[in-house]
Amino acid sequence: MDLRALLPVILLTLALSACGGAAPTPTAPSPPRPPAPSASFALTSTAFEPEGPIPERYGHFRDDVSPPLAWESPPQGTRSLVLFLEDWDAPGGLFVHWVLYDIPPTASGLPEGVPRDPELSDGSRQGKNSAGSLGYIGPYPPPGETHRYTFVLYALDTRLDLPAGVTREQVLKAMEGHVLAQATLVGTYRSVQP
């Protein structure tokens, strides 16, 4: 057997054993993982049970006031909260009933009947709903229909500092990469005529 033919294999074997059995390979750093959502972050209302009917008074054709909401234990590092009220059953697709952002991290809820001011006394700001107005607009599904209304609360690691009157889409874009946790509360509402 010609040892000169085996020489490259012998040299490679010796080189690999000298560096621990395998040639070192460069590795890319792992991308940072988002924080795990807090399991205890929950959104509730004293006005209705989860998946239950929202009382008529909160509808557009009744008192048209926002229901009371409460939450607890947003994750550590929360710098602000964002709230949307969404109707995905609307005939034209998503109808946004409420956009509220820069809610202070120390807040634990909202009272009934939040005013429709551009900026609230605690620094929270309101965006435009799908009707083009600021603040809350109550449910009003078409006659004979029952829709599901989803309150979605996001805990963010930043304040958005957007001006009052922006849309849900603008808020969502500003939120990208900043969501720590999400809590939802769903209620139903059947059409009530004026």
N, C-alpha and C. Protein backbone atom coordinates (compact mmCIF):
# COMPACT_ATOMS: atom_id res chain seq x y z
N MET A 1 0.85 -1.18 0.00
CA MET A 1 0.00 0.00 0.00
C MET A 1 0.89 1.24 0.00
N ASP A 2 0.52 2.23 -0.79
CA ASP A 2 1.29 3.46 -0.91
C ASP A 2 0.87 4.42 0.20
N LEU A 3 1.79 4.69 1.16
CA LEU A 3 1.50 5.56 2.29
C LEU A 3 1.34 7.01 1.85
N ARG A 4 1.94 7.36 0.69
CA ARG A 4 1.79 8.74 0.22
C ARG A 4 0.35 9.07 -0.13
N ALA A 5 -0.42 8.07 -0.56
CA ALA A 5 -1.83 8.30 -0.90
C ALA A 5 -2.66 8.51 0.36
N LEU A 6 -2.22 7.90 1.47
CA LEU A 6 -2.96 8.03 2.72
C LEU A 6 -2.57 9.26 3.53
N LEU A 7 -1.49 9.92 3.15
CA LEU A 7 -0.98 11.04 3.93
C LEU A 7 -2.01 12.16 4.13
N PRO A 8 -2.77 12.59 3.12
CA PRO A 8 -3.76 13.65 3.35
C PRO A 8 -4.82 13.24 4.38
N VAL A 9 -5.22 11.96 4.35
CA VAL A 9 -6.24 11.48 5.29
C VAL A 9 -5.68 11.47 6.70
N ILE A 10 -4.42 11.05 6.86
CA ILE A 10 -3.78 11.01 8.17
C ILE A 10 -3.65 12.42 8.74
N LEU A 11 -3.22 13.36 7.91
CA LEU A 11 -3.05 14.74 8.37
C LEU A 11 -4.40 15.36 8.79
N LEU A 12 -5.47 15.08 8.03
CA LEU A 12 -6.79 15.61 8.36
C LEU A 12 -7.28 15.02 9.68
N THR A 13 -7.05 13.72 9.87
CA THR A 13 -7.46 13.06 11.12
C THR A 13 -6.74 13.66 12.30
N LEU A 14 -5.42 13.90 12.17
CA LEU A 14 -4.64 14.51 13.25
C LEU A 14 -5.13 15.93 13.54
N ALA A 15 -5.46 16.69 12.51
CA ALA A 15 -5.92 18.07 12.70
C ALA A 15 -7.26 18.11 13.42
N LEU A 16 -8.17 17.20 13.07
CA LEU A 16 -9.48 17.16 13.72
C LEU A 16 -9.37 16.75 15.17
N SER A 17 -8.50 15.78 15.45
CA SER A 17 -8.36 15.33 16.84
C SER A 17 -7.72 16.42 17.69
N ALA A 18 -6.89 17.27 17.10
CA ALA A 18 -6.24 18.34 17.85
C ALA A 18 -7.24 19.42 18.27
N CYS A 19 -8.34 19.57 17.52
CA CYS A 19 -9.31 20.62 17.89
C CYS A 19 -10.59 20.00 18.44
N GLY A 20 -10.48 18.87 19.07
CA GLY A 20 -11.62 18.30 19.77
C GLY A 20 -12.47 17.38 18.94
N GLY A 21 -12.02 16.95 17.81
CA GLY A 21 -12.75 15.95 17.05
C GLY A 21 -13.58 16.52 15.93
N ALA A 22 -13.74 17.83 15.87
CA ALA A 22 -14.53 18.40 14.79
C ALA A 22 -13.98 19.79 14.48
N ALA A 23 -14.06 20.14 13.24
CA ALA A 23 -13.58 21.45 12.83
C ALA A 23 -14.51 22.51 13.39
N PRO A 24 -13.96 23.60 13.93
CA PRO A 24 -14.84 24.65 14.46
C PRO A 24 -15.63 25.31 13.34
N THR A 25 -16.91 25.58 13.59
CA THR A 25 -17.74 26.25 12.60
C THR A 25 -18.32 27.50 13.23
N PRO A 26 -18.33 28.60 12.49
CA PRO A 26 -18.89 29.83 13.05
C PRO A 26 -20.40 29.67 13.23
N THR A 27 -20.95 30.22 14.31
CA THR A 27 -22.39 30.15 14.55
C THR A 27 -22.93 31.56 14.70
N ALA A 28 -24.11 31.76 14.11
CA ALA A 28 -24.77 33.06 14.22
C ALA A 28 -25.44 33.16 15.58
N PRO A 29 -25.45 34.34 16.17
CA PRO A 29 -26.13 34.47 17.47
C PRO A 29 -27.63 34.23 17.32
N SER A 30 -28.27 33.60 18.33
CA SER A 30 -29.71 33.35 18.26
C SER A 30 -30.46 34.67 18.40
N PRO A 31 -31.55 34.80 17.64
CA PRO A 31 -32.34 36.03 17.78
C PRO A 31 -32.98 36.06 19.16
N PRO A 32 -33.16 37.25 19.74
CA PRO A 32 -33.78 37.30 21.06
C PRO A 32 -35.21 36.80 21.01
N ARG A 33 -35.62 36.09 22.05
CA ARG A 33 -36.99 35.58 22.10
C ARG A 33 -37.87 36.58 22.80
N PRO A 34 -39.14 36.71 22.34
CA PRO A 34 -40.04 37.63 23.03
C PRO A 34 -40.36 37.09 24.42
N PRO A 35 -40.60 37.97 25.37
CA PRO A 35 -40.94 37.49 26.71
C PRO A 35 -42.20 36.64 26.68
N ALA A 36 -42.25 35.63 27.53
CA ALA A 36 -43.44 34.77 27.61
C ALA A 36 -44.60 35.58 28.18
N PRO A 37 -45.79 35.47 27.55
CA PRO A 37 -46.94 36.20 28.08
C PRO A 37 -47.27 35.77 29.50
N SER A 38 -47.74 36.71 30.29
CA SER A 38 -48.11 36.41 31.67
C SER A 38 -49.44 35.66 31.69
N ALA A 39 -49.46 34.49 32.30
CA ALA A 39 -50.66 33.65 32.32
C ALA A 39 -51.78 34.30 33.11
N SER A 40 -51.42 35.16 34.08
CA SER A 40 -52.46 35.73 34.93
C SER A 40 -52.99 37.06 34.39
N PHE A 41 -52.49 37.52 33.27
CA PHE A 41 -52.96 38.76 32.67
C PHE A 41 -54.34 38.50 32.08
N ALA A 42 -55.36 39.09 32.67
CA ALA A 42 -56.73 38.80 32.26
C ALA A 42 -57.53 40.09 32.19
N LEU A 43 -58.52 40.09 31.32
CA LEU A 43 -59.40 41.24 31.11
C LEU A 43 -60.82 40.81 31.46
N THR A 44 -61.50 41.57 32.32
CA THR A 44 -62.86 41.22 32.74
C THR A 44 -63.73 42.46 32.76
N SER A 45 -65.04 42.23 32.95
CA SER A 45 -65.99 43.32 33.11
C SER A 45 -67.05 42.91 34.13
N THR A 46 -67.46 43.84 34.96
CA THR A 46 -68.55 43.56 35.89
C THR A 46 -69.90 43.65 35.19
N ALA A 47 -69.92 44.11 33.93
CA ALA A 47 -71.18 44.30 33.20
C ALA A 47 -71.64 43.03 32.49
N PHE A 48 -70.72 42.13 32.15
CA PHE A 48 -71.10 40.91 31.43
C PHE A 48 -70.03 39.84 31.64
N GLU A 49 -70.46 38.58 31.49
CA GLU A 49 -69.57 37.44 31.62
C GLU A 49 -68.84 37.19 30.31
N PRO A 50 -67.65 36.57 30.34
CA PRO A 50 -66.98 36.21 29.09
C PRO A 50 -67.88 35.34 28.21
N GLU A 51 -67.98 35.69 26.96
CA GLU A 51 -68.82 35.03 25.95
C GLU A 51 -70.31 35.27 26.20
N GLY A 52 -70.65 36.10 27.20
CA GLY A 52 -72.05 36.37 27.51
C GLY A 52 -72.55 37.62 26.79
N PRO A 53 -73.85 37.88 26.90
CA PRO A 53 -74.41 39.06 26.22
C PRO A 53 -73.99 40.37 26.89
N ILE A 54 -73.64 41.33 26.08
CA ILE A 54 -73.34 42.68 26.55
C ILE A 54 -74.68 43.38 26.77
N PRO A 55 -74.92 43.97 27.93
CA PRO A 55 -76.21 44.64 28.17
C PRO A 55 -76.52 45.71 27.13
N GLU A 56 -77.82 45.86 26.86
CA GLU A 56 -78.28 46.78 25.81
C GLU A 56 -77.76 48.20 25.99
N ARG A 57 -77.64 48.65 27.24
CA ARG A 57 -77.29 50.06 27.47
C ARG A 57 -75.95 50.45 26.85
N TYR A 58 -75.07 49.46 26.60
CA TYR A 58 -73.76 49.77 26.02
C TYR A 58 -73.81 49.83 24.49
N GLY A 59 -74.99 49.55 23.91
CA GLY A 59 -75.14 49.59 22.47
C GLY A 59 -75.29 51.01 21.93
N HIS A 60 -75.00 51.16 20.66
CA HIS A 60 -75.03 52.47 20.00
C HIS A 60 -76.41 53.11 20.05
N PHE A 61 -77.47 52.29 19.93
CA PHE A 61 -78.82 52.84 19.90
C PHE A 61 -79.45 52.94 21.29
N ARG A 62 -78.65 52.74 22.33
CA ARG A 62 -79.14 52.93 23.69
C ARG A 62 -78.31 54.04 24.34
N ASP A 63 -77.65 53.78 25.45
CA ASP A 63 -76.89 54.84 26.12
C ASP A 63 -75.55 55.10 25.45
N ASP A 64 -75.06 54.12 24.68
CA ASP A 64 -73.81 54.26 23.92
C ASP A 64 -72.63 54.67 24.81
N VAL A 65 -72.55 54.04 25.99
CA VAL A 65 -71.41 54.28 26.88
C VAL A 65 -70.57 53.02 26.94
N SER A 66 -69.28 53.20 27.18
CA SER A 66 -68.38 52.04 27.26
C SER A 66 -68.61 51.29 28.56
N PRO A 67 -68.50 49.96 28.54
CA PRO A 67 -68.67 49.18 29.77
C PRO A 67 -67.45 49.29 30.68
N PRO A 68 -67.63 49.03 31.98
CA PRO A 68 -66.46 49.02 32.86
C PRO A 68 -65.57 47.82 32.54
N LEU A 69 -64.27 48.02 32.60
CA LEU A 69 -63.30 46.95 32.33
C LEU A 69 -62.27 46.91 33.45
N ALA A 70 -61.75 45.74 33.72
CA ALA A 70 -60.72 45.60 34.75
C ALA A 70 -59.69 44.58 34.29
N TRP A 71 -58.44 44.76 34.74
CA TRP A 71 -57.38 43.79 34.46
C TRP A 71 -56.42 43.78 35.64
N GLU A 72 -55.63 42.73 35.69
CA GLU A 72 -54.64 42.63 36.76
C GLU A 72 -53.40 41.92 36.27
N SER A 73 -52.31 42.18 36.94
CA SER A 73 -51.03 41.52 36.70
C SER A 73 -50.50 41.61 35.29
N PRO A 74 -50.42 42.83 34.70
CA PRO A 74 -49.69 42.90 33.44
C PRO A 74 -48.24 42.51 33.71
N PRO A 75 -47.54 41.98 32.71
CA PRO A 75 -46.18 41.48 32.95
C PRO A 75 -45.21 42.58 33.37
N GLN A 76 -44.16 42.14 34.05
CA GLN A 76 -43.11 43.06 34.47
C GLN A 76 -42.51 43.72 33.23
N GLY A 77 -42.22 45.00 33.34
CA GLY A 77 -41.66 45.73 32.20
C GLY A 77 -42.71 46.44 31.37
N THR A 78 -44.00 46.32 31.74
CA THR A 78 -45.05 47.01 30.99
C THR A 78 -44.91 48.51 31.16
N ARG A 79 -44.87 49.23 30.03
CA ARG A 79 -44.74 50.69 30.05
C ARG A 79 -46.03 51.39 29.63
N SER A 80 -46.90 50.66 28.93
CA SER A 80 -48.21 51.22 28.56
C SER A 80 -49.11 50.08 28.09
N LEU A 81 -50.41 50.40 27.98
CA LEU A 81 -51.41 49.42 27.53
C LEU A 81 -52.17 50.00 26.36
N VAL A 82 -52.66 49.10 25.50
CA VAL A 82 -53.46 49.48 24.33
C VAL A 82 -54.73 48.65 24.36
N LEU A 83 -55.86 49.28 24.06
CA LEU A 83 -57.14 48.57 24.03
C LEU A 83 -57.84 48.79 22.70
N PHE A 84 -58.31 47.68 22.10
CA PHE A 84 -59.16 47.76 20.91
C PHE A 84 -60.49 47.07 21.24
N LEU A 85 -61.57 47.54 20.63
CA LEU A 85 -62.84 46.82 20.61
C LEU A 85 -63.16 46.55 19.15
N GLU A 86 -63.27 45.26 18.81
CA GLU A 86 -63.37 44.85 17.40
C GLU A 86 -64.60 43.97 17.16
N ASP A 87 -65.25 44.20 16.04
CA ASP A 87 -66.35 43.35 15.58
C ASP A 87 -65.92 42.72 14.26
N TRP A 88 -65.52 41.44 14.33
CA TRP A 88 -65.09 40.74 13.13
C TRP A 88 -66.27 40.14 12.37
N ASP A 89 -67.48 40.23 12.93
CA ASP A 89 -68.68 39.70 12.26
C ASP A 89 -69.36 40.76 11.40
N ALA A 90 -68.84 41.97 11.38
CA ALA A 90 -69.48 43.05 10.62
C ALA A 90 -69.57 42.69 9.13
N PRO A 91 -70.64 43.10 8.46
CA PRO A 91 -70.85 42.72 7.05
C PRO A 91 -69.68 43.09 6.14
N GLY A 92 -69.03 44.22 6.37
CA GLY A 92 -67.93 44.64 5.50
C GLY A 92 -66.57 44.18 5.99
N GLY A 93 -66.53 43.25 6.93
CA GLY A 93 -65.26 42.85 7.53
C GLY A 93 -65.09 43.53 8.87
N LEU A 94 -63.88 43.65 9.33
CA LEU A 94 -63.61 44.20 10.66
C LEU A 94 -64.19 45.61 10.81
N PHE A 95 -64.94 45.82 11.92
CA PHE A 95 -65.39 47.15 12.30
C PHE A 95 -64.77 47.44 13.66
N VAL A 96 -64.02 48.53 13.74
CA VAL A 96 -63.33 48.90 14.97
C VAL A 96 -64.22 49.86 15.76
N HIS A 97 -64.56 49.47 16.99
CA HIS A 97 -65.45 50.27 17.83
C HIS A 97 -64.71 51.15 18.82
N TRP A 98 -63.43 50.86 19.05
CA TRP A 98 -62.71 51.66 20.05
C TRP A 98 -61.21 51.45 19.88
N VAL A 99 -60.46 52.54 19.96
CA VAL A 99 -59.00 52.52 19.94
C VAL A 99 -58.53 53.42 21.07
N LEU A 100 -57.85 52.83 22.06
CA LEU A 100 -57.37 53.58 23.22
C LEU A 100 -55.93 53.14 23.49
N TYR A 101 -54.99 54.08 23.60
CA TYR A 101 -53.58 53.71 23.73
C TYR A 101 -52.87 54.63 24.70
N ASP A 102 -51.64 54.23 25.04
CA ASP A 102 -50.85 54.94 26.06
C ASP A 102 -51.57 54.97 27.41
N ILE A 103 -52.33 53.90 27.70
CA ILE A 103 -52.93 53.75 29.03
C ILE A 103 -51.78 53.50 30.00
N PRO A 104 -51.74 54.19 31.12
CA PRO A 104 -50.60 54.02 32.04
C PRO A 104 -50.48 52.59 32.56
N PRO A 105 -49.26 52.12 32.79
CA PRO A 105 -49.06 50.74 33.25
C PRO A 105 -49.60 50.51 34.66
N THR A 106 -49.82 51.60 35.41
CA THR A 106 -50.35 51.48 36.77
C THR A 106 -51.87 51.34 36.79
N ALA A 107 -52.53 51.58 35.66
CA ALA A 107 -53.99 51.47 35.60
C ALA A 107 -54.40 50.01 35.77
N SER A 108 -55.54 49.82 36.44
CA SER A 108 -56.06 48.45 36.61
C SER A 108 -57.45 48.29 36.01
N GLY A 109 -57.88 49.29 35.25
CA GLY A 109 -59.17 49.19 34.60
C GLY A 109 -59.65 50.52 34.07
N LEU A 110 -60.86 50.49 33.52
CA LEU A 110 -61.51 51.68 32.99
C LEU A 110 -62.92 51.75 33.56
N PRO A 111 -63.38 52.92 33.94
CA PRO A 111 -64.74 53.03 34.46
C PRO A 111 -65.75 52.95 33.33
N GLU A 112 -67.01 52.80 33.69
CA GLU A 112 -68.08 52.88 32.71
C GLU A 112 -68.12 54.29 32.14
N GLY A 113 -68.41 54.37 30.86
CA GLY A 113 -68.61 55.68 30.24
C GLY A 113 -67.37 56.53 30.11
N VAL A 114 -66.30 55.96 29.56
CA VAL A 114 -65.08 56.75 29.32
C VAL A 114 -65.42 57.89 28.36
N PRO A 115 -65.07 59.13 28.70
CA PRO A 115 -65.39 60.25 27.80
C PRO A 115 -64.69 60.11 26.45
N ARG A 116 -65.25 60.75 25.46
CA ARG A 116 -64.71 60.65 24.09
C ARG A 116 -63.67 61.73 23.81
N ASP A 117 -63.02 62.21 24.82
CA ASP A 117 -61.99 63.24 24.65
C ASP A 117 -60.78 62.66 23.91
N PRO A 118 -60.07 63.49 23.14
CA PRO A 118 -58.87 63.00 22.46
C PRO A 118 -57.84 62.46 23.44
N GLU A 119 -57.64 63.18 24.57
CA GLU A 119 -56.70 62.73 25.60
C GLU A 119 -57.41 62.73 26.93
N LEU A 120 -57.26 61.64 27.68
CA LEU A 120 -57.91 61.51 28.98
C LEU A 120 -57.00 62.09 30.07
N SER A 121 -57.55 62.26 31.26
CA SER A 121 -56.81 62.90 32.35
C SER A 121 -55.56 62.11 32.75
N ASP A 122 -55.54 60.79 32.50
CA ASP A 122 -54.36 59.98 32.86
C ASP A 122 -53.31 59.92 31.76
N GLY A 123 -53.54 60.64 30.65
CA GLY A 123 -52.58 60.64 29.54
C GLY A 123 -52.91 59.67 28.43
N SER A 124 -53.91 58.81 28.63
CA SER A 124 -54.35 57.90 27.57
C SER A 124 -54.86 58.73 26.39
N ARG A 125 -54.69 58.18 25.18
CA ARG A 125 -55.18 58.88 23.99
C ARG A 125 -56.12 57.97 23.22
N GLN A 126 -57.07 58.60 22.53
CA GLN A 126 -58.06 57.84 21.78
C GLN A 126 -57.85 58.01 20.29
N GLY A 127 -58.04 56.89 19.59
CA GLY A 127 -57.94 56.90 18.15
C GLY A 127 -59.31 56.90 17.51
N LYS A 128 -59.32 56.82 16.19
CA LYS A 128 -60.57 56.84 15.44
C LYS A 128 -61.15 55.43 15.35
N ASN A 129 -62.47 55.34 15.52
CA ASN A 129 -63.15 54.08 15.26
C ASN A 129 -63.51 54.03 13.77
N SER A 130 -64.13 52.94 13.36
CA SER A 130 -64.44 52.77 11.93
C SER A 130 -65.52 53.73 11.44
N ALA A 131 -66.24 54.36 12.35
CA ALA A 131 -67.23 55.37 11.96
C ALA A 131 -66.57 56.73 11.74
N GLY A 132 -65.26 56.82 12.06
CA GLY A 132 -64.52 58.06 11.84
C GLY A 132 -64.54 59.02 13.01
N SER A 133 -65.13 58.59 14.14
CA SER A 133 -65.16 59.46 15.31
C SER A 133 -64.17 58.97 16.37
N LEU A 134 -63.89 59.81 17.34
CA LEU A 134 -62.97 59.45 18.41
C LEU A 134 -63.69 58.69 19.51
N GLY A 135 -62.97 57.76 20.12
CA GLY A 135 -63.49 57.08 21.29
C GLY A 135 -64.42 55.93 20.98
N TYR A 136 -65.15 55.53 22.00
CA TYR A 136 -66.04 54.36 21.95
C TYR A 136 -67.29 54.64 21.13
N ILE A 137 -67.65 53.64 20.32
CA ILE A 137 -68.97 53.63 19.67
C ILE A 137 -69.54 52.24 19.92
N GLY A 138 -70.75 52.21 20.47
CA GLY A 138 -71.34 50.95 20.91
C GLY A 138 -71.72 50.01 19.78
N PRO A 139 -71.94 48.74 20.14
CA PRO A 139 -72.34 47.74 19.14
C PRO A 139 -73.66 48.11 18.46
N TYR A 140 -73.75 47.82 17.17
CA TYR A 140 -75.03 47.97 16.46
C TYR A 140 -75.05 47.03 15.25
N PRO A 141 -75.17 45.72 15.52
CA PRO A 141 -75.22 44.77 14.39
C PRO A 141 -76.50 44.95 13.58
N PRO A 142 -76.52 44.47 12.34
CA PRO A 142 -77.73 44.58 11.52
C PRO A 142 -78.93 43.89 12.19
N PRO A 143 -80.13 44.30 11.83
CA PRO A 143 -81.33 43.73 12.44
C PRO A 143 -81.34 42.20 12.38
N GLY A 144 -81.68 41.59 13.53
CA GLY A 144 -81.79 40.13 13.60
C GLY A 144 -80.48 39.40 13.79
N GLU A 145 -79.35 40.12 13.82
CA GLU A 145 -78.05 39.46 13.94
C GLU A 145 -77.47 39.62 15.33
N THR A 146 -76.72 38.60 15.74
CA THR A 146 -75.95 38.68 16.97
C THR A 146 -74.48 38.63 16.59
N HIS A 147 -73.71 39.60 17.02
CA HIS A 147 -72.28 39.64 16.71
C HIS A 147 -71.46 39.43 17.98
N ARG A 148 -70.23 38.98 17.77
CA ARG A 148 -69.26 38.83 18.85
C ARG A 148 -68.36 40.06 18.85
N TYR A 149 -68.20 40.66 20.02
CA TYR A 149 -67.38 41.86 20.17
C TYR A 149 -66.19 41.52 21.06
N THR A 150 -64.99 41.78 20.54
CA THR A 150 -63.77 41.39 21.23
C THR A 150 -63.02 42.62 21.73
N PHE A 151 -62.89 42.68 23.05
CA PHE A 151 -62.02 43.67 23.68
C PHE A 151 -60.63 43.04 23.76
N VAL A 152 -59.63 43.68 23.17
CA VAL A 152 -58.27 43.16 23.18
C VAL A 152 -57.37 44.17 23.88
N LEU A 153 -56.70 43.71 24.93
CA LEU A 153 -55.81 44.57 25.71
C LEU A 153 -54.38 44.07 25.53
N TYR A 154 -53.48 44.98 25.14
CA TYR A 154 -52.07 44.63 24.94
C TYR A 154 -51.21 45.34 25.98
N ALA A 155 -50.27 44.61 26.55
CA ALA A 155 -49.25 45.20 27.41
C ALA A 155 -48.00 45.42 26.56
N LEU A 156 -47.47 46.64 26.57
CA LEU A 156 -46.32 46.99 25.74
C LEU A 156 -45.12 47.37 26.61
N ASP A 157 -43.94 47.20 26.04
CA ASP A 157 -42.72 47.59 26.75
C ASP A 157 -42.30 49.03 26.43
N THR A 158 -43.22 49.80 25.86
CA THR A 158 -42.94 51.18 25.50
C THR A 158 -44.22 51.99 25.51
N ARG A 159 -44.09 53.32 25.52
CA ARG A 159 -45.22 54.21 25.25
C ARG A 159 -45.19 54.52 23.76
N LEU A 160 -46.35 54.63 23.15
CA LEU A 160 -46.38 54.87 21.71
C LEU A 160 -46.22 56.34 21.38
N ASP A 161 -46.73 57.22 22.22
CA ASP A 161 -46.63 58.67 22.00
C ASP A 161 -47.13 59.09 20.62
N LEU A 162 -48.18 58.44 20.14
CA LEU A 162 -48.82 58.85 18.90
C LEU A 162 -49.82 59.96 19.20
N PRO A 163 -50.07 60.84 18.25
CA PRO A 163 -51.09 61.87 18.51
C PRO A 163 -52.47 61.24 18.59
N ALA A 164 -53.40 61.92 19.23
CA ALA A 164 -54.78 61.45 19.28
C ALA A 164 -55.35 61.41 17.87
N GLY A 165 -56.28 60.48 17.64
CA GLY A 165 -56.98 60.43 16.36
C GLY A 165 -56.38 59.50 15.32
N VAL A 166 -55.37 58.70 15.69
CA VAL A 166 -54.81 57.76 14.71
C VAL A 166 -55.72 56.53 14.60
N THR A 167 -55.47 55.73 13.59
CA THR A 167 -56.30 54.55 13.34
C THR A 167 -55.72 53.31 14.03
N ARG A 168 -56.52 52.25 14.08
CA ARG A 168 -56.06 50.98 14.63
C ARG A 168 -54.80 50.50 13.90
N GLU A 169 -54.78 50.63 12.58
CA GLU A 169 -53.63 50.16 11.79
C GLU A 169 -52.36 50.93 12.17
N GLN A 170 -52.48 52.23 12.39
CA GLN A 170 -51.31 53.01 12.78
C GLN A 170 -50.81 52.60 14.17
N VAL A 171 -51.74 52.31 15.07
CA VAL A 171 -51.35 51.86 16.40
C VAL A 171 -50.68 50.49 16.31
N LEU A 172 -51.26 49.58 15.52
CA LEU A 172 -50.67 48.24 15.37
C LEU A 172 -49.25 48.33 14.82
N LYS A 173 -49.03 49.21 13.86
CA LYS A 173 -47.68 49.35 13.28
C LYS A 173 -46.69 49.83 14.34
N ALA A 174 -47.11 50.80 15.14
CA ALA A 174 -46.22 51.34 16.18
C ALA A 174 -45.95 50.31 17.28
N MET A 175 -46.87 49.36 17.46
CA MET A 175 -46.74 48.34 18.50
C MET A 175 -45.77 47.22 18.13
N GLU A 176 -45.45 47.09 16.85
CA GLU A 176 -44.64 45.95 16.38
C GLU A 176 -43.36 45.82 17.18
N GLY A 177 -43.12 44.60 17.69
CA GLY A 177 -41.91 44.32 18.44
C GLY A 177 -41.95 44.76 19.89
N HIS A 178 -43.11 45.26 20.35
CA HIS A 178 -43.20 45.79 21.72
C HIS A 178 -44.25 45.09 22.58
N VAL A 179 -44.93 44.08 22.05
CA VAL A 179 -46.01 43.43 22.80
C VAL A 179 -45.45 42.41 23.78
N LEU A 180 -45.76 42.60 25.06
CA LEU A 180 -45.34 41.67 26.11
C LEU A 180 -46.41 40.62 26.37
N ALA A 181 -47.67 41.02 26.30
CA ALA A 181 -48.76 40.08 26.59
C ALA A 181 -50.06 40.64 26.01
N GLN A 182 -51.04 39.75 25.90
CA GLN A 182 -52.34 40.12 25.33
C GLN A 182 -53.43 39.45 26.16
N ALA A 183 -54.49 40.19 26.42
CA ALA A 183 -55.65 39.64 27.13
C ALA A 183 -56.90 39.98 26.32
N THR A 184 -57.86 39.07 26.27
CA THR A 184 -59.08 39.33 25.50
C THR A 184 -60.32 39.05 26.34
N LEU A 185 -61.38 39.74 26.00
CA LEU A 185 -62.69 39.53 26.60
C LEU A 185 -63.70 39.64 25.46
N VAL A 186 -64.49 38.60 25.29
CA VAL A 186 -65.48 38.56 24.20
C VAL A 186 -66.88 38.60 24.79
N GLY A 187 -67.73 39.43 24.22
CA GLY A 187 -69.14 39.47 24.57
C GLY A 187 -69.98 39.47 23.31
N THR A 188 -71.24 39.16 23.42
CA THR A 188 -72.14 39.14 22.26
C THR A 188 -73.16 40.26 22.39
N TYR A 189 -73.68 40.70 21.25
CA TYR A 189 -74.70 41.75 21.26
C TYR A 189 -75.66 41.48 20.11
N ARG A 190 -76.95 41.47 20.45
CA ARG A 190 -77.98 41.28 19.42
C ARG A 190 -78.55 42.64 19.06
N SER A 191 -78.90 42.81 17.80
CA SER A 191 -79.36 44.12 17.34
C SER A 191 -80.58 44.59 18.12
N VAL A 192 -80.54 45.85 18.46
CA VAL A 192 -81.64 46.51 19.16
C VAL A 192 -81.94 47.78 18.37
N GLN A 193 -83.15 47.92 17.91
CA GLN A 193 -83.49 49.09 17.09
C GLN A 193 -83.86 50.27 17.98
N PRO A 194 -83.62 51.49 17.49
CA PRO A 194 -83.92 52.68 18.30
C PRO A 194 -85.43 52.84 18.52
